[in-house]
Amino acid sequence: MFGDRVFKEMYDMVKEMEREFDAMRKELGKEDYKMPLVDIYETEDELVIQAEMPGVKKEDIVLHVSPTSVEISAELKQDSEEKRRGYYKKERIMKRFYRNITLPIKVSTDSVKAKFENGVLTIRLKKERSEKRRVEIE
């Protein structure tokens, strides 16, 4: 029914907001935290997420995937040589990236592919196929 769908969508939005607020509370104590910008789109078989993470090395990225969410985090390692330079102002360095994304559809966690190239993390997630079917009642 229409009302059921509306309430489910509202419930999903509230859960997504709670997850984002929890992530923000968790990260507020950490300095120089930045949420990477993302593009999310779907193809016939996949959900694709692209996240901008400039200055990050592939080995510093931690990626967790569940059927309903993706969590991306990374910490930038700062060179000790860089600390010795005579900076007047240093605004560009971020020490940590973090983002928890609630997915618009359920995905399979079995065949996740992730690639990091030119500061962009691309995550490919297979859609979970669940077809509507009639159930006989006993």
Protein backbone atom coordinates (compact mmCIF):
# COMPACT_ATOMS: atom_id res chain seq x y z
CA MET A 1 0.00 0.00 0.00
CA PHE A 2 1.00 3.61 -0.51
CA GLY A 3 1.09 4.41 3.22
CA ASP A 4 3.35 1.46 3.98
CA ARG A 5 5.86 2.59 1.35
CA VAL A 6 5.85 6.15 2.68
CA PHE A 7 6.44 5.01 6.26
CA LYS A 8 9.23 2.66 5.14
CA GLU A 9 10.93 5.51 3.24
CA MET A 10 10.58 7.79 6.29
CA TYR A 11 11.98 5.06 8.54
CA ASP A 12 14.93 4.54 6.17
CA MET A 13 15.63 8.30 6.13
CA VAL A 14 15.59 8.46 9.94
CA LYS A 15 17.97 5.47 10.15
CA GLU A 16 20.32 7.14 7.64
CA MET A 17 20.27 10.38 9.64
CA GLU A 18 21.00 8.49 12.86
CA ARG A 19 23.92 6.70 11.20
CA GLU A 20 25.35 10.00 9.88
CA PHE A 21 24.93 11.72 13.28
CA ASP A 22 26.63 8.78 15.01
CA ALA A 23 29.51 9.02 12.56
CA MET A 24 29.79 12.78 13.13
CA ARG A 25 29.72 12.37 16.94
CA LYS A 26 32.39 9.69 16.66
CA GLU A 27 34.58 11.95 14.57
CA LEU A 28 34.04 15.34 16.23
CA GLY A 29 36.89 14.76 18.64
CA LYS A 30 39.35 14.18 15.81
CA GLU A 31 41.05 17.21 14.27
CA ASP A 32 41.30 17.92 10.56
CA TYR A 33 38.51 15.52 9.60
CA LYS A 34 37.00 15.73 6.11
CA MET A 35 34.08 13.90 4.52
CA PRO A 36 35.04 12.83 0.96
CA LEU A 37 32.75 13.99 -1.83
CA VAL A 38 30.99 11.09 -3.56
CA ASP A 39 29.09 10.26 -6.72
CA ILE A 40 26.73 7.28 -6.54
CA TYR A 41 25.10 5.77 -9.61
CA GLU A 42 23.72 2.45 -10.70
CA THR A 43 24.12 0.35 -13.81
CA GLU A 44 22.03 -2.65 -14.76
CA ASP A 45 23.98 -4.99 -12.44
CA GLU A 46 25.94 -2.75 -10.08
CA LEU A 47 25.88 0.17 -7.70
CA VAL A 48 28.98 2.33 -8.21
CA ILE A 49 30.43 4.78 -5.67
CA GLN A 50 33.24 7.19 -6.52
CA ALA A 51 34.85 9.04 -3.60
CA GLU A 52 37.41 11.86 -3.91
CA MET A 53 40.33 11.37 -1.52
CA PRO A 54 43.21 13.58 -2.70
CA GLY A 55 46.61 13.00 -1.15
CA VAL A 56 45.69 9.58 0.26
CA LYS A 57 47.71 6.44 -0.45
CA LYS A 58 45.87 3.24 -1.38
CA GLU A 59 47.33 1.34 1.59
CA ASP A 60 45.93 3.93 4.04
CA ILE A 61 42.29 3.41 3.00
CA VAL A 62 39.98 1.21 5.10
CA LEU A 63 36.74 0.09 3.44
CA HIS A 64 33.88 -1.76 5.17
CA VAL A 65 30.81 -2.91 3.23
CA SER A 66 27.49 -4.28 4.46
CA PRO A 67 24.36 -5.02 2.37
CA THR A 68 22.97 -1.55 3.25
CA SER A 69 25.99 0.70 3.84
CA VAL A 70 29.59 1.52 2.95
CA GLU A 71 32.09 3.00 5.40
CA ILE A 72 35.24 4.67 4.04
CA SER A 73 38.08 5.96 6.19
CA ALA A 74 41.69 6.94 5.63
CA GLU A 75 44.44 8.65 7.53
CA LEU A 76 47.10 10.77 5.88
CA LYS A 77 50.62 10.19 7.06
CA GLN A 78 52.55 13.43 7.40
CA ASP A 79 56.25 13.49 6.48
CA SER A 80 58.63 14.52 9.22
CA GLU A 81 60.56 16.50 6.58
CA GLU A 82 57.42 18.53 5.93
CA LYS A 83 57.31 19.64 9.59
CA ARG A 84 60.80 21.14 9.26
CA ARG A 85 59.91 23.42 6.36
CA GLY A 86 59.25 27.07 7.18
CA TYR A 87 55.51 27.28 6.54
CA TYR A 88 53.70 30.56 7.14
CA LYS A 89 50.32 28.97 6.60
CA LYS A 90 49.27 25.37 6.00
CA GLU A 91 45.58 24.95 5.14
CA ARG A 92 45.55 22.12 2.63
CA ILE A 93 46.41 19.12 4.79
CA MET A 94 43.61 16.92 6.09
CA LYS A 95 44.66 14.28 8.55
CA ARG A 96 41.62 12.03 8.24
CA PHE A 97 38.82 11.18 5.80
CA TYR A 98 35.63 9.49 6.97
CA ARG A 99 32.24 8.79 5.39
CA ASN A 100 29.45 6.34 6.13
CA ILE A 101 27.06 5.98 3.17
CA THR A 102 23.62 4.42 3.43
CA LEU A 103 22.99 2.64 0.15
CA PRO A 104 19.76 3.22 -1.81
CA ILE A 105 19.49 -0.51 -2.62
CA LYS A 106 20.75 -3.73 -1.05
CA VAL A 107 24.01 -5.11 -2.41
CA SER A 108 25.94 -8.35 -2.20
CA THR A 109 29.08 -8.20 -0.05
CA ASP A 110 30.60 -11.24 -1.77
CA SER A 111 31.91 -9.61 -4.94
CA VAL A 112 32.93 -6.05 -4.03
CA LYS A 113 35.56 -4.48 -6.28
CA ALA A 114 37.49 -1.37 -5.24
CA LYS A 115 40.09 0.57 -7.22
CA PHE A 116 42.02 3.68 -6.22
CA GLU A 117 43.41 5.84 -9.00
CA ASN A 118 44.35 9.53 -9.23
CA GLY A 119 42.85 10.34 -5.82
CA VAL A 120 39.47 8.72 -6.60
CA LEU A 121 38.26 5.53 -4.92
CA THR A 122 35.81 3.61 -7.15
CA ILE A 123 33.74 0.91 -5.45
CA ARG A 124 31.65 -1.51 -7.52
CA LEU A 125 28.93 -3.42 -5.66
CA LYS A 126 26.75 -6.13 -7.21
CA LYS A 127 23.04 -5.53 -6.73
CA GLU A 128 21.25 -8.09 -4.61
CA ARG A 129 18.57 -9.69 -6.74
CA SER A 130 15.38 -10.35 -4.87
CA GLU A 131 12.33 -10.84 -6.97
CA LYS A 132 8.79 -10.40 -5.82
CA ARG A 133 6.94 -13.69 -5.76
CA ARG A 134 3.61 -14.94 -4.55
CA VAL A 135 3.65 -17.10 -1.42
CA GLU A 136 1.05 -19.76 -0.89
CA ILE A 137 -0.56 -19.60 2.55
CA GLU A 138 -1.13 -22.86 4.40
